[in-house]
């Protein structure tokens, strides 16, 4: 599924990287522990988390993730957004809980990466 379809269907606010709108999201992962994301996420996954600090961008780059959805209305600081822009990691926001977002992604056919 293309990233823009996920953004549209979930009503996400995109903070950066519209140039990545056409990329294919191949799976999903949800965690608030960076070590879990490093160990278990897969290239092309969309990552669902309530964390909003700059380290999430470094992890997304390390794992070549398709984007990050920050839940529960949390907003990253300007440093995090700037880092996402530099690294071209799509950063999206929602007021939904992580549980709600993961449920909706699953219904849309986004499952844990291969």
Foldseek 3Di string as FASTA:
>chain_A
DFQLVLCVVQVKDKLDQVVRRGPAQQAEEEDADLVCLLVFAAARYEYEYQDAEQVVLVSCLVRNYQAYEHEQPDYHDPVNSVSCHVSSHIYIYDNHDSVVSVVVCVVVVHHGHD
